């Protein structure tokens, strides 16, 4: 199994990454990233992505299941941004009629 997931930690932090395995005790996540709200100015808020545990060796992290409050499939915009920065670079176009 390998799919990008979003995790809401019990601390309130949100993490996105490519979940490669799941056991009774932990999720193994490749290239995890922290999702942060950012001030865009003029009262607008945006979203930023930064490496999760940037000083850890390697790109895989084991996340204790007891530390996770919820997990979900990311919205397509978030998935595209994660893939652009940390993943394959592939961007999924929005659903709709293709014109050419």
PDB file of N, CA and C in Angstrom:
ATOM      1  N   UNK A   1       0.842  -1.178   0.000  1.00  0.00           N
ATOM      2  CA  UNK A   1       0.000   0.000   0.000  1.00  0.00           C
ATOM      3  C   UNK A   1       0.885   1.239   0.000  1.00  0.00           C
ATOM      4  N   UNK A   2       0.506   2.200  -0.774  1.00  0.00           N
ATOM      5  CA  UNK A   2       1.226   3.462  -0.804  1.00  0.00           C
ATOM      6  C   UNK A   2       0.262   4.529  -1.295  1.00  0.00           C
ATOM      7  N   UNK A   3      -0.122   5.426  -0.391  1.00  0.00           N
ATOM      8  CA  UNK A   3      -1.009   6.516  -0.778  1.00  0.00           C
ATOM      9  C   UNK A   3      -0.764   7.718   0.115  1.00  0.00           C
ATOM     10  N   UNK A   4      -0.966   8.901  -0.433  1.00  0.00           N
ATOM     11  CA  UNK A   4      -0.771  10.118   0.327  1.00  0.00           C
ATOM     12  C   UNK A   4      -1.975  10.315   1.246  1.00  0.00           C
ATOM     13  N   UNK A   5      -1.682  10.572   2.534  1.00  0.00           N
ATOM     14  CA  UNK A   5      -2.703  10.751   3.556  1.00  0.00           C
ATOM     15  C   UNK A   5      -2.406  12.023   4.347  1.00  0.00           C
ATOM     16  N   UNK A   6      -3.450  12.579   4.963  1.00  0.00           N
ATOM     17  CA  UNK A   6      -3.319  13.699   5.887  1.00  0.00           C
ATOM     18  C   UNK A   6      -3.647  13.171   7.275  1.00  0.00           C
ATOM     19  N   UNK A   7      -2.806  13.517   8.252  1.00  0.00           N
ATOM     20  CA  UNK A   7      -2.997  13.083   9.642  1.00  0.00           C
ATOM     21  C   UNK A   7      -3.203  14.302  10.519  1.00  0.00           C
ATOM     22  N   UNK A   8      -4.236  14.266  11.345  1.00  0.00           N
ATOM     23  CA  UNK A   8      -4.451  15.293  12.367  1.00  0.00           C
ATOM     24  C   UNK A   8      -3.929  14.690  13.664  1.00  0.00           C
ATOM     25  N   UNK A   9      -2.856  15.254  14.178  1.00  0.00           N
ATOM     26  CA  UNK A   9      -2.231  14.736  15.384  1.00  0.00           C
ATOM     27  C   UNK A   9      -3.007  15.219  16.609  1.00  0.00           C
ATOM     28  N   UNK A  10      -2.906  14.490  17.707  1.00  0.00           N
ATOM     29  CA  UNK A  10      -3.606  14.902  18.926  1.00  0.00           C
ATOM     30  C   UNK A  10      -3.073  16.227  19.455  1.00  0.00           C
ATOM     31  N   UNK A  11      -1.883  16.619  19.006  1.00  0.00           N
ATOM     32  CA  UNK A  11      -1.300  17.905  19.385  1.00  0.00           C
ATOM     33  C   UNK A  11      -1.921  19.069  18.613  1.00  0.00           C
ATOM     34  N   UNK A  12      -2.701  18.746  17.563  1.00  0.00           N
ATOM     35  CA  UNK A  12      -3.292  19.781  16.719  1.00  0.00           C
ATOM     36  C   UNK A  12      -2.557  19.954  15.403  1.00  0.00           C
ATOM     37  N   UNK A  13      -1.331  19.501  15.335  1.00  0.00           N
ATOM     38  CA  UNK A  13      -0.535  19.607  14.112  1.00  0.00           C
ATOM     39  C   UNK A  13      -1.140  18.734  13.018  1.00  0.00           C
ATOM     40  N   UNK A  14      -0.998  19.170  11.773  1.00  0.00           N
ATOM     41  CA  UNK A  14      -1.444  18.369  10.638  1.00  0.00           C
ATOM     42  C   UNK A  14      -0.226  17.994   9.806  1.00  0.00           C
ATOM     43  N   UNK A  15      -0.187  16.730   9.392  1.00  0.00           N
ATOM     44  CA  UNK A  15       0.937  16.177   8.642  1.00  0.00           C
ATOM     45  C   UNK A  15       0.396  15.508   7.387  1.00  0.00           C
ATOM     46  N   UNK A  16       1.088  15.691   6.270  1.00  0.00           N
ATOM     47  CA  UNK A  16       0.748  15.023   5.028  1.00  0.00           C
ATOM     48  C   UNK A  16       1.959  14.209   4.596  1.00  0.00           C
ATOM     49  N   UNK A  17       1.712  13.044   4.030  1.00  0.00           N
ATOM     50  CA  UNK A  17       2.828  12.220   3.571  1.00  0.00           C
ATOM     51  C   UNK A  17       2.342  10.966   2.883  1.00  0.00           C
ATOM     52  N   UNK A  18       3.284  10.259   2.279  1.00  0.00           N
ATOM     53  CA  UNK A  18       2.993   9.037   1.552  1.00  0.00           C
ATOM     54  C   UNK A  18       3.044   7.856   2.516  1.00  0.00           C
ATOM     55  N   UNK A  19       1.881   7.367   2.931  1.00  0.00           N
ATOM     56  CA  UNK A  19       1.821   6.239   3.864  1.00  0.00           C
ATOM     57  C   UNK A  19       2.188   4.969   3.110  1.00  0.00           C
ATOM     58  N   UNK A  20       3.273   4.322   3.560  1.00  0.00           N
ATOM     59  CA  UNK A  20       3.717   3.115   2.857  1.00  0.00           C
ATOM     60  C   UNK A  20       3.361   1.835   3.600  1.00  0.00           C
ATOM     61  N   UNK A  21       3.216   1.897   4.923  1.00  0.00           N
ATOM     62  CA  UNK A  21       2.745   0.739   5.683  1.00  0.00           C
ATOM     63  C   UNK A  21       1.915   1.212   6.865  1.00  0.00           C
ATOM     64  N   UNK A  22       1.113   0.276   7.385  1.00  0.00           N
ATOM     65  CA  UNK A  22       0.278   0.541   8.549  1.00  0.00           C
ATOM     66  C   UNK A  22       0.279  -0.723   9.395  1.00  0.00           C
ATOM     67  N   UNK A  23       0.549  -0.580  10.688  1.00  0.00           N
ATOM     68  CA  UNK A  23       0.490  -1.716  11.607  1.00  0.00           C
ATOM     69  C   UNK A  23      -0.467  -1.370  12.745  1.00  0.00           C
ATOM     70  N   UNK A  24      -0.580  -2.267  13.694  1.00  0.00           N
ATOM     71  CA  UNK A  24      -1.427  -2.008  14.862  1.00  0.00           C
ATOM     72  C   UNK A  24      -0.898  -0.863  15.707  1.00  0.00           C
ATOM     73  N   UNK A  25       0.399  -0.555  15.592  1.00  0.00           N
ATOM     74  CA  UNK A  25       1.009   0.447  16.462  1.00  0.00           C
ATOM     75  C   UNK A  25       1.440   1.734  15.760  1.00  0.00           C
ATOM     76  N   UNK A  26       1.697   1.687  14.449  1.00  0.00           N
ATOM     77  CA  UNK A  26       2.204   2.888  13.788  1.00  0.00           C
ATOM     78  C   UNK A  26       1.911   2.911  12.281  1.00  0.00           C
ATOM     79  N   UNK A  27       2.058   4.112  11.728  1.00  0.00           N
ATOM     80  CA  UNK A  27       2.037   4.327  10.286  1.00  0.00           C
ATOM     81  C   UNK A  27       3.471   4.640   9.888  1.00  0.00           C
ATOM     82  N   UNK A  28       3.952   4.039   8.806  1.00  0.00           N
ATOM     83  CA  UNK A  28       5.244   4.434   8.257  1.00  0.00           C
ATOM     84  C   UNK A  28       4.954   5.352   7.084  1.00  0.00           C
ATOM     85  N   UNK A  29       5.492   6.584   7.173  1.00  0.00           N
ATOM     86  CA  UNK A  29       5.194   7.630   6.201  1.00  0.00           C
ATOM     87  C   UNK A  29       6.495   8.082   5.540  1.00  0.00           C
ATOM     88  N   UNK A  30       6.484   8.093   4.215  1.00  0.00           N
ATOM     89  CA  UNK A  30       7.629   8.545   3.434  1.00  0.00           C
ATOM     90  C   UNK A  30       7.434  10.021   3.091  1.00  0.00           C
ATOM     91  N   UNK A  31       8.474  10.807   3.255  1.00  0.00           N
ATOM     92  CA  UNK A  31       8.483  12.245   2.964  1.00  0.00           C
ATOM     93  C   UNK A  31       7.330  12.995   3.637  1.00  0.00           C
ATOM     94  N   UNK A  32       7.197  12.858   4.964  1.00  0.00           N
ATOM     95  CA  UNK A  32       6.137  13.592   5.649  1.00  0.00           C
ATOM     96  C   UNK A  32       6.417  15.093   5.666  1.00  0.00           C
ATOM     97  N   UNK A  33       5.339  15.871   5.677  1.00  0.00           N
ATOM     98  CA  UNK A  33       5.467  17.330   5.704  1.00  0.00           C
ATOM     99  C   UNK A  33       4.417  17.913   6.645  1.00  0.00           C
ATOM    100  N   UNK A  34       4.788  18.971   7.340  1.00  0.00           N
ATOM    101  CA  UNK A  34       3.857  19.690   8.212  1.00  0.00           C
ATOM    102  C   UNK A  34       3.049  20.669   7.380  1.00  0.00           C
ATOM    103  N   UNK A  35       1.761  20.745   7.665  1.00  0.00           N
ATOM    104  CA  UNK A  35       0.880  21.702   7.009  1.00  0.00           C
ATOM    105  C   UNK A  35       0.684  22.856   7.979  1.00  0.00           C
ATOM    106  N   UNK A  36       0.978  24.080   7.512  1.00  0.00           N
ATOM    107  CA  UNK A  36       0.897  25.249   8.384  1.00  0.00           C
ATOM    108  C   UNK A  36       0.087  26.351   7.727  1.00  0.00           C
ATOM    109  N   UNK A  37      -0.664  27.062   8.546  1.00  0.00           N
ATOM    110  CA  UNK A  37      -1.384  28.234   8.064  1.00  0.00           C
ATOM    111  C   UNK A  37      -0.383  29.382   7.982  1.00  0.00           C
ATOM    112  N   UNK A  38      -0.465  30.179   6.914  1.00  0.00           N
ATOM    113  CA  UNK A  38       0.445  31.297   6.735  1.00  0.00           C
ATOM    114  C   UNK A  38      -0.342  32.578   6.475  1.00  0.00           C
ATOM    115  N   UNK A  39       0.194  33.689   6.935  1.00  0.00           N
ATOM    116  CA  UNK A  39      -0.420  34.995   6.725  1.00  0.00           C
ATOM    117  C   UNK A  39      -0.014  35.497   5.344  1.00  0.00           C
ATOM    118  N   UNK A  40      -1.009  35.726   4.487  1.00  0.00           N
ATOM    119  CA  UNK A  40      -0.748  36.213   3.136  1.00  0.00           C
ATOM    120  C   UNK A  40      -0.845  37.740   3.043  1.00  0.00           C
ATOM    121  N   UNK A  41      -1.168  38.371   4.161  1.00  0.00           N
ATOM    122  CA  UNK A  41      -1.338  39.819   4.169  1.00  0.00           C
ATOM    123  C   UNK A  41      -2.764  40.205   3.802  1.00  0.00           C
ATOM    124  N   UNK A  42      -3.134  41.412   4.092  1.00  0.00           N
ATOM    125  CA  UNK A  42      -4.476  41.934   3.806  1.00  0.00           C
ATOM    126  C   UNK A  42      -5.578  41.057   4.385  1.00  0.00           C
ATOM    127  N   UNK A  43      -5.312  40.413   5.527  1.00  0.00           N
ATOM    128  CA  UNK A  43      -6.318  39.590   6.176  1.00  0.00           C
ATOM    129  C   UNK A  43      -6.541  38.229   5.545  1.00  0.00           C
ATOM    130  N   UNK A  44      -5.715  37.861   4.578  1.00  0.00           N
ATOM    131  CA  UNK A  44      -5.868  36.567   3.905  1.00  0.00           C
ATOM    132  C   UNK A  44      -4.939  35.536   4.523  1.00  0.00           C
ATOM    133  N   UNK A  45      -5.444  34.306   4.593  1.00  0.00           N
ATOM    134  CA  UNK A  45      -4.676  33.208   5.155  1.00  0.00           C
ATOM    135  C   UNK A  45      -4.423  32.185   4.060  1.00  0.00           C
ATOM    136  N   UNK A  46      -3.199  31.648   4.030  1.00  0.00           N
ATOM    137  CA  UNK A  46      -2.845  30.620   3.064  1.00  0.00           C
ATOM    138  C   UNK A  46      -2.335  29.386   3.779  1.00  0.00           C
ATOM    139  N   UNK A  47      -1.877  28.439   3.005  1.00  0.00           N
ATOM    140  CA  UNK A  47      -1.359  27.187   3.545  1.00  0.00           C
ATOM    141  C   UNK A  47       0.069  26.999   3.054  1.00  0.00           C
ATOM    142  N   UNK A  48       0.947  26.586   3.979  1.00  0.00           N
ATOM    143  CA  UNK A  48       2.324  26.283   3.629  1.00  0.00           C
ATOM    144  C   UNK A  48       2.660  24.851   4.015  1.00  0.00           C
ATOM    145  N   UNK A  49       3.621  24.275   3.316  1.00  0.00           N
ATOM    146  CA  UNK A  49       4.076  22.919   3.609  1.00  0.00           C
ATOM    147  C   UNK A  49       5.575  22.970   3.871  1.00  0.00           C
ATOM    148  N   UNK A  50       5.985  22.363   4.972  1.00  0.00           N
ATOM    149  CA  UNK A  50       7.407  22.318   5.335  1.00  0.00           C
ATOM    150  C   UNK A  50       7.764  20.897   5.748  1.00  0.00           C
ATOM    151  N   UNK A  51       9.026  20.503   5.574  1.00  0.00           N
ATOM    152  CA  UNK A  51       9.414  19.150   5.982  1.00  0.00           C
ATOM    153  C   UNK A  51       9.084  18.884   7.451  1.00  0.00           C
ATOM    154  N   UNK A  52       8.586  17.699   7.735  1.00  0.00           N
ATOM    155  CA  UNK A  52       8.302  17.242   9.089  1.00  0.00           C
ATOM    156  C   UNK A  52       9.557  16.538   9.571  1.00  0.00           C
ATOM    157  N   UNK A  53      10.086  16.927  10.722  1.00  0.00           N
ATOM    158  CA  UNK A  53      11.335  16.376  11.263  1.00  0.00           C
ATOM    159  C   UNK A  53      12.499  16.498  10.251  1.00  0.00           C
ATOM    160  N   UNK A  54      12.811  17.732   9.837  1.00  0.00           N
ATOM    161  CA  UNK A  54      13.824  17.921   8.799  1.00  0.00           C
ATOM    162  C   UNK A  54      15.228  17.463   9.192  1.00  0.00           C
ATOM    163  N   UNK A  55      15.481  17.263  10.492  1.00  0.00           N
ATOM    164  CA  UNK A  55      16.825  16.871  10.914  1.00  0.00           C
ATOM    165  C   UNK A  55      16.939  15.373  11.168  1.00  0.00           C
ATOM    166  N   UNK A  56      15.883  14.622  10.869  1.00  0.00           N
ATOM    167  CA  UNK A  56      15.928  13.162  10.998  1.00  0.00           C
ATOM    168  C   UNK A  56      16.684  12.580   9.806  1.00  0.00           C
ATOM    169  N   UNK A  57      17.361  11.486  10.033  1.00  0.00           N
ATOM    170  CA  UNK A  57      18.063  10.808   8.948  1.00  0.00           C
ATOM    171  C   UNK A  57      17.066  10.003   8.129  1.00  0.00           C
ATOM    172  N   UNK A  58      17.190  10.076   6.830  1.00  0.00           N
ATOM    173  CA  UNK A  58      16.286   9.354   5.946  1.00  0.00           C
ATOM    174  C   UNK A  58      14.996  10.124   5.717  1.00  0.00           C
ATOM    175  N   UNK A  59      14.140   9.563   4.880  1.00  0.00           N
ATOM    176  CA  UNK A  59      12.902  10.244   4.520  1.00  0.00           C
ATOM    177  C   UNK A  59      11.665   9.544   5.067  1.00  0.00           C
ATOM    178  N   UNK A  60      11.853   8.453   5.795  1.00  0.00           N
ATOM    179  CA  UNK A  60      10.720   7.713   6.351  1.00  0.00           C
ATOM    180  C   UNK A  60      10.617   7.964   7.855  1.00  0.00           C
ATOM    181  N   UNK A  61       9.368   8.112   8.330  1.00  0.00           N
ATOM    182  CA  UNK A  61       9.108   8.362   9.738  1.00  0.00           C
ATOM    183  C   UNK A  61       8.005   7.417  10.185  1.00  0.00           C
ATOM    184  N   UNK A  62       8.166   6.834  11.380  1.00  0.00           N
ATOM    185  CA  UNK A  62       7.105   6.040  11.987  1.00  0.00           C
ATOM    186  C   UNK A  62       6.296   6.951  12.898  1.00  0.00           C
ATOM    187  N   UNK A  63       4.992   7.039  12.646  1.00  0.00           N
ATOM    188  CA  UNK A  63       4.087   7.860  13.454  1.00  0.00           C
ATOM    189  C   UNK A  63       3.254   6.925  14.307  1.00  0.00           C
ATOM    190  N   UNK A  64       3.316   7.112  15.610  1.00  0.00           N
ATOM    191  CA  UNK A  64       2.564   6.289  16.546  1.00  0.00           C
ATOM    192  C   UNK A  64       1.068   6.520  16.332  1.00  0.00           C
ATOM    193  N   UNK A  65       0.317   5.439  16.169  1.00  0.00           N
ATOM    194  CA  UNK A  65      -1.126   5.558  15.941  1.00  0.00           C
ATOM    195  C   UNK A  65      -1.837   6.256  17.104  1.00  0.00           C
ATOM    196  N   UNK A  66      -1.312   6.111  18.320  1.00  0.00           N
ATOM    197  CA  UNK A  66      -1.932   6.758  19.478  1.00  0.00           C
ATOM    198  C   UNK A  66      -1.796   8.283  19.430  1.00  0.00           C
ATOM    199  N   UNK A  67      -0.871   8.780  18.608  1.00  0.00           N
ATOM    200  CA  UNK A  67      -0.668  10.225  18.476  1.00  0.00           C
ATOM    201  C   UNK A  67      -1.544  10.832  17.393  1.00  0.00           C
ATOM    202  N   UNK A  68      -2.295  10.000  16.674  1.00  0.00           N
ATOM    203  CA  UNK A  68      -3.120  10.463  15.557  1.00  0.00           C
ATOM    204  C   UNK A  68      -4.582  10.511  15.979  1.00  0.00           C
ATOM    205  N   UNK A  69      -5.197  11.686  15.837  1.00  0.00           N
ATOM    206  CA  UNK A  69      -6.610  11.842  16.159  1.00  0.00           C
ATOM    207  C   UNK A  69      -7.489  11.438  14.973  1.00  0.00           C
ATOM    208  N   UNK A  70      -7.016  11.706  13.742  1.00  0.00           N
ATOM    209  CA  UNK A  70      -7.788  11.382  12.544  1.00  0.00           C
ATOM    210  C   UNK A  70      -6.852  11.312  11.343  1.00  0.00           C
ATOM    211  N   UNK A  71      -7.283  10.586  10.316  1.00  0.00           N
ATOM    212  CA  UNK A  71      -6.543  10.552   9.058  1.00  0.00           C
ATOM    213  C   UNK A  71      -7.543  10.578   7.914  1.00  0.00           C
ATOM    214  N   UNK A  72      -7.106  11.104   6.759  1.00  0.00           N
ATOM    215  CA  UNK A  72      -8.014  11.247   5.618  1.00  0.00           C
ATOM    216  C   UNK A  72      -7.213  11.355   4.323  1.00  0.00           C
ATOM    217  N   UNK A  73      -7.926  11.248   3.237  1.00  0.00           N
ATOM    218  CA  UNK A  73      -7.348  11.501   1.918  1.00  0.00           C
ATOM    219  C   UNK A  73      -7.306  13.013   1.726  1.00  0.00           C
ATOM    220  N   UNK A  74      -6.176  13.559   1.261  1.00  0.00           N
ATOM    221  CA  UNK A  74      -6.090  15.018   1.108  1.00  0.00           C
ATOM    222  C   UNK A  74      -6.966  15.529  -0.044  1.00  0.00           C
ATOM    223  N   UNK A  75      -7.391  16.778   0.082  1.00  0.00           N
ATOM    224  CA  UNK A  75      -8.089  17.455  -1.011  1.00  0.00           C
ATOM    225  C   UNK A  75      -7.148  17.526  -2.214  1.00  0.00           C
ATOM    226  N   UNK A  76      -7.703  17.546  -3.415  1.00  0.00           N
ATOM    227  CA  UNK A  76      -6.876  17.498  -4.623  1.00  0.00           C
ATOM    228  C   UNK A  76      -5.874  18.644  -4.687  1.00  0.00           C
ATOM    229  N   UNK A  77      -6.251  19.844  -4.220  1.00  0.00           N
ATOM    230  CA  UNK A  77      -5.316  20.978  -4.249  1.00  0.00           C
ATOM    231  C   UNK A  77      -4.119  20.720  -3.342  1.00  0.00           C
ATOM    232  N   UNK A  78      -4.386  20.156  -2.149  1.00  0.00           N
ATOM    233  CA  UNK A  78      -3.303  19.854  -1.215  1.00  0.00           C
ATOM    234  C   UNK A  78      -2.432  18.721  -1.755  1.00  0.00           C
ATOM    235  N   UNK A  79      -3.049  17.701  -2.336  1.00  0.00           N
ATOM    236  CA  UNK A  79      -2.308  16.592  -2.933  1.00  0.00           C
ATOM    237  C   UNK A  79      -1.399  17.096  -4.044  1.00  0.00           C
ATOM    238  N   UNK A  80      -1.913  17.976  -4.897  1.00  0.00           N
ATOM    239  CA  UNK A  80      -1.104  18.530  -5.981  1.00  0.00           C
ATOM    240  C   UNK A  80       0.088  19.316  -5.449  1.00  0.00           C
ATOM    241  N   UNK A  81      -0.138  20.114  -4.414  1.00  0.00           N
ATOM    242  CA  UNK A  81       0.965  20.903  -3.839  1.00  0.00           C
ATOM    243  C   UNK A  81       2.004  19.994  -3.196  1.00  0.00           C
ATOM    244  N   UNK A  82       1.550  18.974  -2.465  1.00  0.00           N
ATOM    245  CA  UNK A  82       2.484  18.019  -1.857  1.00  0.00           C
ATOM    246  C   UNK A  82       3.296  17.317  -2.949  1.00  0.00           C
ATOM    247  N   UNK A  83       2.628  16.830  -4.001  1.00  0.00           N
ATOM    248  CA  UNK A  83       3.337  16.139  -5.083  1.00  0.00           C
ATOM    249  C   UNK A  83       4.311  17.058  -5.805  1.00  0.00           C
ATOM    250  N   UNK A  84       3.953  18.331  -5.944  1.00  0.00           N
ATOM    251  CA  UNK A  84       4.842  19.293  -6.608  1.00  0.00           C
ATOM    252  C   UNK A  84       6.128  19.474  -5.810  1.00  0.00           C
ATOM    253  N   UNK A  85       5.992  19.564  -4.488  1.00  0.00           N
ATOM    254  CA  UNK A  85       7.159  19.855  -3.648  1.00  0.00           C
ATOM    255  C   UNK A  85       7.916  18.598  -3.216  1.00  0.00           C
ATOM    256  N   UNK A  86       7.206  17.578  -2.747  1.00  0.00           N
ATOM    257  CA  UNK A  86       7.848  16.418  -2.133  1.00  0.00           C
ATOM    258  C   UNK A  86       7.687  15.121  -2.906  1.00  0.00           C
ATOM    259  N   UNK A  87       6.744  15.080  -3.824  1.00  0.00           N
ATOM    260  CA  UNK A  87       6.414  13.809  -4.450  1.00  0.00           C
ATOM    261  C   UNK A  87       6.885  13.689  -5.876  1.00  0.00           C
ATOM    262  N   UNK A  88       6.027  13.105  -6.681  1.00  0.00           N
ATOM    263  CA  UNK A  88       6.343  12.764  -8.060  1.00  0.00           C
ATOM    264  C   UNK A  88       6.407  13.968  -8.980  1.00  0.00           C
ATOM    265  N   UNK A  89       5.797  15.071  -8.559  1.00  0.00           N
ATOM    266  CA  UNK A  89       5.717  16.239  -9.426  1.00  0.00           C
ATOM    267  C   UNK A  89       4.482  16.206 -10.313  1.00  0.00           C
ATOM    268  N   UNK A  90       3.746  15.086 -10.293  1.00  0.00           N
ATOM    269  CA  UNK A  90       2.542  14.973 -11.110  1.00  0.00           C
ATOM    270  C   UNK A  90       1.403  15.774 -10.495  1.00  0.00           C
ATOM    271  N   UNK A  91       0.723  16.527 -11.325  1.00  0.00           N
ATOM    272  CA  UNK A  91      -0.406  17.333 -10.895  1.00  0.00           C
ATOM    273  C   UNK A  91      -1.657  16.739 -11.534  1.00  0.00           C
ATOM    274  N   UNK A  92      -2.687  16.499 -10.730  1.00  0.00           N
ATOM    275  CA  UNK A  92      -3.947  15.931 -11.221  1.00  0.00           C
ATOM    276  C   UNK A  92      -4.846  17.098 -11.624  1.00  0.00           C
ATOM    277  N   UNK A  93      -5.263  17.142 -12.921  1.00  0.00           N
ATOM    278  CA  UNK A  93      -6.127  18.242 -13.337  1.00  0.00           C
ATOM    279  C   UNK A  93      -7.496  18.138 -12.698  1.00  0.00           C
ATOM    280  N   UNK A  94      -8.193  19.283 -12.549  1.00  0.00           N
ATOM    281  CA  UNK A  94      -9.535  19.230 -11.966  1.00  0.00           C
ATOM    282  C   UNK A  94     -10.488  18.458 -12.871  1.00  0.00           C
ATOM    283  N   UNK A  95     -11.512  17.862 -12.248  1.00  0.00           N
ATOM    284  CA  UNK A  95     -12.510  17.118 -13.013  1.00  0.00           C
ATOM    285  C   UNK A  95     -13.311  18.100 -13.852  1.00  0.00           C
ATOM    286  N   UNK A  96     -13.642  17.691 -15.055  1.00  0.00           N
ATOM    287  CA  UNK A  96     -14.448  18.532 -15.930  1.00  0.00           C
ATOM    288  C   UNK A  96     -14.286  18.087 -17.365  1.00  0.00           C
ATOM    289  N   UNK A  97     -14.834  18.855 -18.244  1.00  0.00           N
ATOM    290  CA  UNK A  97     -14.780  18.550 -19.674  1.00  0.00           C
ATOM    291  C   UNK A  97     -13.441  19.002 -20.219  1.00  0.00           C
ATOM    292  N   UNK A  98     -12.795  18.109 -20.952  1.00  0.00           N
ATOM    293  CA  UNK A  98     -11.530  18.461 -21.601  1.00  0.00           C
ATOM    294  C   UNK A  98     -11.820  19.104 -22.947  1.00  0.00           C
ATOM    295  N   UNK A  99     -11.185  20.220 -23.189  1.00  0.00           N
ATOM    296  CA  UNK A  99     -11.363  20.927 -24.466  1.00  0.00           C
ATOM    297  C   UNK A  99     -10.002  20.996 -25.140  1.00  0.00           C
ATOM    298  N   UNK A 100      -9.998  20.832 -26.405  1.00  0.00           N
ATOM    299  CA  UNK A 100      -8.707  20.851 -27.057  1.00  0.00           C
ATOM    300  C   UNK A 100      -8.670  21.400 -28.405  1.00  0.00           C
TER     301      UNK A 100
END
